[in-house]
Amino acid sequence: MKLIRADFILTCDDEFKIIRNGAIAFEQKIVEVGSFKDLKDKYKYQKIIQCSTNSVIMPGLINVHTHLEF
């Protein structure tokens, strides 16, 4: 298990919450998103990846709309 930690995590849940001092617990896939303190206490981790100051983790904004003629 690894944790990636950032100052802000933007979620795409129903409320579009912003988690301050957040983290993402993951292995091959994301296991949980929440506050760094809660996830650090909940999971045994092998590595913590610390993002730089004022960092933001957010879902990729991918536009899958395409025109086949291009």
PDB file of N, CA and C in Angstrom:
ATOM      1  N   MET A   1       0.851  -1.178   0.000  1.00  0.00           N
ATOM      2  CA  MET A   1       0.000   0.000   0.000  1.00  0.00           C
ATOM      3  C   MET A   1       0.890   1.231   0.000  1.00  0.00           C
ATOM      4  N   LYS A   2       0.511   2.229  -0.796  1.00  0.00           N
ATOM      5  CA  LYS A   2       1.217   3.503  -0.850  1.00  0.00           C
ATOM      6  C   LYS A   2       0.219   4.620  -0.593  1.00  0.00           C
ATOM      7  N   LEU A   3       0.726   5.709  -0.057  1.00  0.00           N
ATOM      8  CA  LEU A   3      -0.087   6.910   0.141  1.00  0.00           C
ATOM      9  C   LEU A   3       0.554   8.044  -0.633  1.00  0.00           C
ATOM     10  N   ILE A   4      -0.247   8.765  -1.385  1.00  0.00           N
ATOM     11  CA  ILE A   4       0.218   9.999  -2.001  1.00  0.00           C
ATOM     12  C   ILE A   4      -0.501  11.138  -1.300  1.00  0.00           C
ATOM     13  N   ARG A   5       0.293  12.095  -0.844  1.00  0.00           N
ATOM     14  CA  ARG A   5      -0.230  13.165   0.002  1.00  0.00           C
ATOM     15  C   ARG A   5      -0.133  14.497  -0.737  1.00  0.00           C
ATOM     16  N   ALA A   6      -1.198  15.306  -0.652  1.00  0.00           N
ATOM     17  CA  ALA A   6      -1.218  16.624  -1.286  1.00  0.00           C
ATOM     18  C   ALA A   6      -1.949  17.614  -0.381  1.00  0.00           C
ATOM     19  N   ASP A   7      -1.688  18.897  -0.607  1.00  0.00           N
ATOM     20  CA  ASP A   7      -2.350  19.930   0.189  1.00  0.00           C
ATOM     21  C   ASP A   7      -3.852  19.978  -0.082  1.00  0.00           C
ATOM     22  N   PHE A   8      -4.237  19.703  -1.317  1.00  0.00           N
ATOM     23  CA  PHE A   8      -5.648  19.733  -1.702  1.00  0.00           C
ATOM     24  C   PHE A   8      -5.948  18.559  -2.618  1.00  0.00           C
ATOM     25  N   ILE A   9      -7.082  17.901  -2.390  1.00  0.00           N
ATOM     26  CA  ILE A   9      -7.571  16.870  -3.297  1.00  0.00           C
ATOM     27  C   ILE A   9      -8.975  17.271  -3.717  1.00  0.00           C
ATOM     28  N   LEU A  10      -9.156  17.425  -5.018  1.00  0.00           N
ATOM     29  CA  LEU A  10     -10.468  17.763  -5.562  1.00  0.00           C
ATOM     30  C   LEU A  10     -11.180  16.460  -5.896  1.00  0.00           C
ATOM     31  N   THR A  11     -12.382  16.311  -5.393  1.00  0.00           N
ATOM     32  CA  THR A  11     -13.135  15.081  -5.646  1.00  0.00           C
ATOM     33  C   THR A  11     -14.236  15.350  -6.667  1.00  0.00           C
ATOM     34  N   CYS A  12     -14.701  14.323  -7.258  1.00  0.00           N
ATOM     35  CA  CYS A  12     -15.841  14.434  -8.173  1.00  0.00           C
ATOM     36  C   CYS A  12     -17.024  13.668  -7.606  1.00  0.00           C
ATOM     37  N   ASP A  13     -17.194  13.749  -6.293  1.00  0.00           N
ATOM     38  CA  ASP A  13     -18.366  13.134  -5.685  1.00  0.00           C
ATOM     39  C   ASP A  13     -19.567  14.053  -5.888  1.00  0.00           C
ATOM     40  N   ASP A  14     -20.682  13.718  -5.304  1.00  0.00           N
ATOM     41  CA  ASP A  14     -21.904  14.511  -5.488  1.00  0.00           C
ATOM     42  C   ASP A  14     -21.761  15.947  -4.988  1.00  0.00           C
ATOM     43  N   GLU A  15     -20.889  16.158  -4.003  1.00  0.00           N
ATOM     44  CA  GLU A  15     -20.734  17.484  -3.408  1.00  0.00           C
ATOM     45  C   GLU A  15     -19.491  18.222  -3.919  1.00  0.00           C
ATOM     46  N   PHE A  16     -18.688  17.585  -4.755  1.00  0.00           N
ATOM     47  CA  PHE A  16     -17.432  18.153  -5.257  1.00  0.00           C
ATOM     48  C   PHE A  16     -16.581  18.708  -4.117  1.00  0.00           C
ATOM     49  N   LYS A  17     -16.368  17.872  -3.108  1.00  0.00           N
ATOM     50  CA  LYS A  17     -15.601  18.269  -1.933  1.00  0.00           C
ATOM     51  C   LYS A  17     -14.149  18.550  -2.289  1.00  0.00           C
ATOM     52  N   ILE A  18     -13.541  19.431  -1.504  1.00  0.00           N
ATOM     53  CA  ILE A  18     -12.103  19.672  -1.548  1.00  0.00           C
ATOM     54  C   ILE A  18     -11.555  19.213  -0.209  1.00  0.00           C
ATOM     55  N   ILE A  19     -10.649  18.263  -0.241  1.00  0.00           N
ATOM     56  CA  ILE A  19     -10.062  17.719   0.982  1.00  0.00           C
ATOM     57  C   ILE A  19      -8.722  18.410   1.195  1.00  0.00           C
ATOM     58  N   ARG A  20      -8.590  19.125   2.308  1.00  0.00           N
ATOM     59  CA  ARG A  20      -7.321  19.777   2.641  1.00  0.00           C
ATOM     60  C   ARG A  20      -6.442  18.782   3.393  1.00  0.00           C
ATOM     61  N   ASN A  21      -5.143  18.810   3.101  1.00  0.00           N
ATOM     62  CA  ASN A  21      -4.184  17.877   3.688  1.00  0.00           C
ATOM     63  C   ASN A  21      -4.689  16.445   3.487  1.00  0.00           C
ATOM     64  N   GLY A  22      -4.964  16.135   2.238  1.00  0.00           N
ATOM     65  CA  GLY A  22      -5.551  14.854   1.891  1.00  0.00           C
ATOM     66  C   GLY A  22      -4.530  13.836   1.410  1.00  0.00           C
ATOM     67  N   ALA A  23      -5.018  12.647   1.196  1.00  0.00           N
ATOM     68  CA  ALA A  23      -4.172  11.556   0.705  1.00  0.00           C
ATOM     69  C   ALA A  23      -5.021  10.575  -0.082  1.00  0.00           C
ATOM     70  N   ILE A  24      -4.332   9.814  -0.903  1.00  0.00           N
ATOM     71  CA  ILE A  24      -4.959   8.738  -1.661  1.00  0.00           C
ATOM     72  C   ILE A  24      -4.195   7.465  -1.346  1.00  0.00           C
ATOM     73  N   ALA A  25      -4.904   6.461  -0.853  1.00  0.00           N
ATOM     74  CA  ALA A  25      -4.311   5.149  -0.595  1.00  0.00           C
ATOM     75  C   ALA A  25      -4.514   4.295  -1.838  1.00  0.00           C
ATOM     76  N   PHE A  26      -3.429   3.674  -2.308  1.00  0.00           N
ATOM     77  CA  PHE A  26      -3.550   2.869  -3.526  1.00  0.00           C
ATOM     78  C   PHE A  26      -2.525   1.744  -3.546  1.00  0.00           C
ATOM     79  N   GLU A  27      -2.873   0.735  -4.322  1.00  0.00           N
ATOM     80  CA  GLU A  27      -1.950  -0.334  -4.690  1.00  0.00           C
ATOM     81  C   GLU A  27      -1.880  -0.290  -6.207  1.00  0.00           C
ATOM     82  N   GLN A  28      -2.544  -1.208  -6.880  1.00  0.00           N
ATOM     83  CA  GLN A  28      -2.674  -1.121  -8.331  1.00  0.00           C
ATOM     84  C   GLN A  28      -3.815  -0.179  -8.699  1.00  0.00           C
ATOM     85  N   LYS A  29      -4.800  -0.081  -7.828  1.00  0.00           N
ATOM     86  CA  LYS A  29      -5.952   0.802  -8.011  1.00  0.00           C
ATOM     87  C   LYS A  29      -6.144   1.614  -6.742  1.00  0.00           C
ATOM     88  N   ILE A  30      -6.914   2.696  -6.856  1.00  0.00           N
ATOM     89  CA  ILE A  30      -7.207   3.527  -5.687  1.00  0.00           C
ATOM     90  C   ILE A  30      -8.082   2.742  -4.727  1.00  0.00           C
ATOM     91  N   VAL A  31      -7.680   2.732  -3.467  1.00  0.00           N
ATOM     92  CA  VAL A  31      -8.418   2.026  -2.421  1.00  0.00           C
ATOM     93  C   VAL A  31      -9.331   2.987  -1.676  1.00  0.00           C
ATOM     94  N   GLU A  32      -8.795   4.176  -1.335  1.00  0.00           N
ATOM     95  CA  GLU A  32      -9.593   5.142  -0.582  1.00  0.00           C
ATOM     96  C   GLU A  32      -8.984   6.533  -0.721  1.00  0.00           C
ATOM     97  N   VAL A  33      -9.845   7.546  -0.635  1.00  0.00           N
ATOM     98  CA  VAL A  33      -9.428   8.946  -0.651  1.00  0.00           C
ATOM     99  C   VAL A  33      -9.941   9.577   0.632  1.00  0.00           C
ATOM    100  N   GLY A  34      -9.094  10.352   1.309  1.00  0.00           N
ATOM    101  CA  GLY A  34      -9.525  10.991   2.544  1.00  0.00           C
ATOM    102  C   GLY A  34      -8.436  11.854   3.125  1.00  0.00           C
ATOM    103  N   SER A  35      -8.556  12.180   4.397  1.00  0.00           N
ATOM    104  CA  SER A  35      -7.534  13.000   5.049  1.00  0.00           C
ATOM    105  C   SER A  35      -6.282  12.156   5.264  1.00  0.00           C
ATOM    106  N   PHE A  36      -5.133  12.811   5.199  1.00  0.00           N
ATOM    107  CA  PHE A  36      -3.868  12.106   5.361  1.00  0.00           C
ATOM    108  C   PHE A  36      -3.799  11.410   6.716  1.00  0.00           C
ATOM    109  N   LYS A  37      -4.212  12.114   7.767  1.00  0.00           N
ATOM    110  CA  LYS A  37      -4.142  11.538   9.110  1.00  0.00           C
ATOM    111  C   LYS A  37      -4.975  10.265   9.213  1.00  0.00           C
ATOM    112  N   ASP A  38      -6.199  10.307   8.712  1.00  0.00           N
ATOM    113  CA  ASP A  38      -7.081   9.133   8.800  1.00  0.00           C
ATOM    114  C   ASP A  38      -6.515   7.946   8.021  1.00  0.00           C
ATOM    115  N   LEU A  39      -6.045   8.201   6.808  1.00  0.00           N
ATOM    116  CA  LEU A  39      -5.543   7.099   5.988  1.00  0.00           C
ATOM    117  C   LEU A  39      -4.224   6.561   6.525  1.00  0.00           C
ATOM    118  N   LYS A  40      -3.381   7.442   7.064  1.00  0.00           N
ATOM    119  CA  LYS A  40      -2.114   6.993   7.644  1.00  0.00           C
ATOM    120  C   LYS A  40      -2.362   6.073   8.828  1.00  0.00           C
ATOM    121  N   ASP A  41      -3.365   6.398   9.640  1.00  0.00           N
ATOM    122  CA  ASP A  41      -3.698   5.565  10.799  1.00  0.00           C
ATOM    123  C   ASP A  41      -4.401   4.271  10.394  1.00  0.00           C
ATOM    124  N   LYS A  42      -5.124   4.288   9.290  1.00  0.00           N
ATOM    125  CA  LYS A  42      -5.950   3.146   8.894  1.00  0.00           C
ATOM    126  C   LYS A  42      -5.166   2.053   8.160  1.00  0.00           C
ATOM    127  N   TYR A  43      -4.222   2.451   7.309  1.00  0.00           N
ATOM    128  CA  TYR A  43      -3.517   1.486   6.465  1.00  0.00           C
ATOM    129  C   TYR A  43      -2.052   1.377   6.841  1.00  0.00           C
ATOM    130  N   LYS A  44      -1.537   0.165   6.702  1.00  0.00           N
ATOM    131  CA  LYS A  44      -0.095  -0.024   6.795  1.00  0.00           C
ATOM    132  C   LYS A  44       0.458   0.280   5.417  1.00  0.00           C
ATOM    133  N   TYR A  45       1.389   1.182   5.356  1.00  0.00           N
ATOM    134  CA  TYR A  45       1.873   1.642   4.073  1.00  0.00           C
ATOM    135  C   TYR A  45       3.358   1.325   3.918  1.00  0.00           C
ATOM    136  N   GLN A  46       3.778   1.174   2.674  1.00  0.00           N
ATOM    137  CA  GLN A  46       5.182   0.947   2.375  1.00  0.00           C
ATOM    138  C   GLN A  46       5.893   2.256   2.056  1.00  0.00           C
ATOM    139  N   LYS A  47       5.150   3.192   1.481  1.00  0.00           N
ATOM    140  CA  LYS A  47       5.768   4.417   1.021  1.00  0.00           C
ATOM    141  C   LYS A  47       4.761   5.551   1.059  1.00  0.00           C
ATOM    142  N   ILE A  48       5.230   6.738   1.459  1.00  0.00           N
ATOM    143  CA  ILE A  48       4.420   7.950   1.386  1.00  0.00           C
ATOM    144  C   ILE A  48       5.055   8.848   0.328  1.00  0.00           C
ATOM    145  N   ILE A  49       4.258   9.231  -0.639  1.00  0.00           N
ATOM    146  CA  ILE A  49       4.714  10.135  -1.688  1.00  0.00           C
ATOM    147  C   ILE A  49       4.186  11.518  -1.327  1.00  0.00           C
ATOM    148  N   GLN A  50       5.109  12.444  -1.026  1.00  0.00           N
ATOM    149  CA  GLN A  50       4.734  13.795  -0.622  1.00  0.00           C
ATOM    150  C   GLN A  50       4.815  14.726  -1.825  1.00  0.00           C
ATOM    151  N   CYS A  51       3.691  15.330  -2.180  1.00  0.00           N
ATOM    152  CA  CYS A  51       3.679  16.320  -3.258  1.00  0.00           C
ATOM    153  C   CYS A  51       4.217  17.646  -2.716  1.00  0.00           C
ATOM    154  N   SER A  52       4.600  18.533  -3.596  1.00  0.00           N
ATOM    155  CA  SER A  52       5.185  19.804  -3.183  1.00  0.00           C
ATOM    156  C   SER A  52       4.137  20.740  -2.569  1.00  0.00           C
ATOM    157  N   THR A  53       4.594  21.866  -2.055  1.00  0.00           N
ATOM    158  CA  THR A  53       3.732  22.844  -1.402  1.00  0.00           C
ATOM    159  C   THR A  53       2.654  23.357  -2.361  1.00  0.00           C
ATOM    160  N   ASN A  54       1.456  23.521  -1.832  1.00  0.00           N
ATOM    161  CA  ASN A  54       0.280  23.986  -2.590  1.00  0.00           C
ATOM    162  C   ASN A  54      -0.112  23.034  -3.714  1.00  0.00           C
ATOM    163  N   SER A  55       0.165  21.765  -3.528  1.00  0.00           N
ATOM    164  CA  SER A  55      -0.138  20.762  -4.550  1.00  0.00           C
ATOM    165  C   SER A  55      -1.626  20.432  -4.571  1.00  0.00           C
ATOM    166  N   VAL A  56      -2.093  20.050  -5.764  1.00  0.00           N
ATOM    167  CA  VAL A  56      -3.486  19.681  -5.970  1.00  0.00           C
ATOM    168  C   VAL A  56      -3.517  18.367  -6.731  1.00  0.00           C
ATOM    169  N   ILE A  57      -4.294  17.422  -6.243  1.00  0.00           N
ATOM    170  CA  ILE A  57      -4.556  16.188  -6.982  1.00  0.00           C
ATOM    171  C   ILE A  57      -6.016  16.234  -7.390  1.00  0.00           C
ATOM    172  N   MET A  58      -6.253  16.010  -8.671  1.00  0.00           N
ATOM    173  CA  MET A  58      -7.618  16.059  -9.176  1.00  0.00           C
ATOM    174  C   MET A  58      -7.775  15.023 -10.277  1.00  0.00           C
ATOM    175  N   PRO A  59      -9.005  14.623 -10.558  1.00  0.00           N
ATOM    176  CA  PRO A  59      -9.227  13.687 -11.658  1.00  0.00           C
ATOM    177  C   PRO A  59      -8.769  14.303 -12.977  1.00  0.00           C
ATOM    178  N   GLY A  60      -8.339  13.466 -13.877  1.00  0.00           N
ATOM    179  CA  GLY A  60      -7.952  13.938 -15.200  1.00  0.00           C
ATOM    180  C   GLY A  60      -9.169  14.433 -15.958  1.00  0.00           C
ATOM    181  N   LEU A  61      -9.015  15.571 -16.587  1.00  0.00           N
ATOM    182  CA  LEU A  61     -10.114  16.134 -17.364  1.00  0.00           C
ATOM    183  C   LEU A  61      -9.894  15.722 -18.819  1.00  0.00           C
ATOM    184  N   ILE A  62     -10.478  14.617 -19.181  1.00  0.00           N
ATOM    185  CA  ILE A  62     -10.265  14.034 -20.496  1.00  0.00           C
ATOM    186  C   ILE A  62     -11.536  14.191 -21.316  1.00  0.00           C
ATOM    187  N   ASN A  63     -11.410  14.786 -22.459  1.00  0.00           N
ATOM    188  CA  ASN A  63     -12.535  14.955 -23.363  1.00  0.00           C
ATOM    189  C   ASN A  63     -12.495  13.809 -24.374  1.00  0.00           C
ATOM    190  N   VAL A  64     -13.380  12.850 -24.228  1.00  0.00           N
ATOM    191  CA  VAL A  64     -13.385  11.693 -25.123  1.00  0.00           C
ATOM    192  C   VAL A  64     -14.208  11.956 -26.382  1.00  0.00           C
ATOM    193  N   HIS A  65     -14.707  13.154 -26.508  1.00  0.00           N
ATOM    194  CA  HIS A  65     -15.457  13.543 -27.696  1.00  0.00           C
ATOM    195  C   HIS A  65     -14.486  13.636 -28.873  1.00  0.00           C
ATOM    196  N   THR A  66     -14.802  12.996 -29.963  1.00  0.00           N
ATOM    197  CA  THR A  66     -13.908  13.015 -31.113  1.00  0.00           C
ATOM    198  C   THR A  66     -14.708  13.045 -32.404  1.00  0.00           C
ATOM    199  N   HIS A  67     -14.087  13.556 -33.414  1.00  0.00           N
ATOM    200  CA  HIS A  67     -14.653  13.543 -34.761  1.00  0.00           C
ATOM    201  C   HIS A  67     -13.808  12.594 -35.594  1.00  0.00           C
ATOM    202  N   LEU A  68     -14.388  11.546 -36.087  1.00  0.00           N
ATOM    203  CA  LEU A  68     -13.623  10.542 -36.801  1.00  0.00           C
ATOM    204  C   LEU A  68     -13.006  11.061 -38.098  1.00  0.00           C
ATOM    205  N   GLU A  69     -13.553  12.120 -38.650  1.00  0.00           N
ATOM    206  CA  GLU A  69     -12.977  12.645 -39.897  1.00  0.00           C
ATOM    207  C   GLU A  69     -11.634  13.333 -39.666  1.00  0.00           C
ATOM    208  N   PHE A  70     -11.292  13.631 -38.415  1.00  0.00           N
ATOM    209  CA  PHE A  70      -9.993  14.235 -38.139  1.00  0.00           C
ATOM    210  C   PHE A  70      -8.989  13.151 -37.889  1.00  0.00           C
TER     211      PHE A  70
END
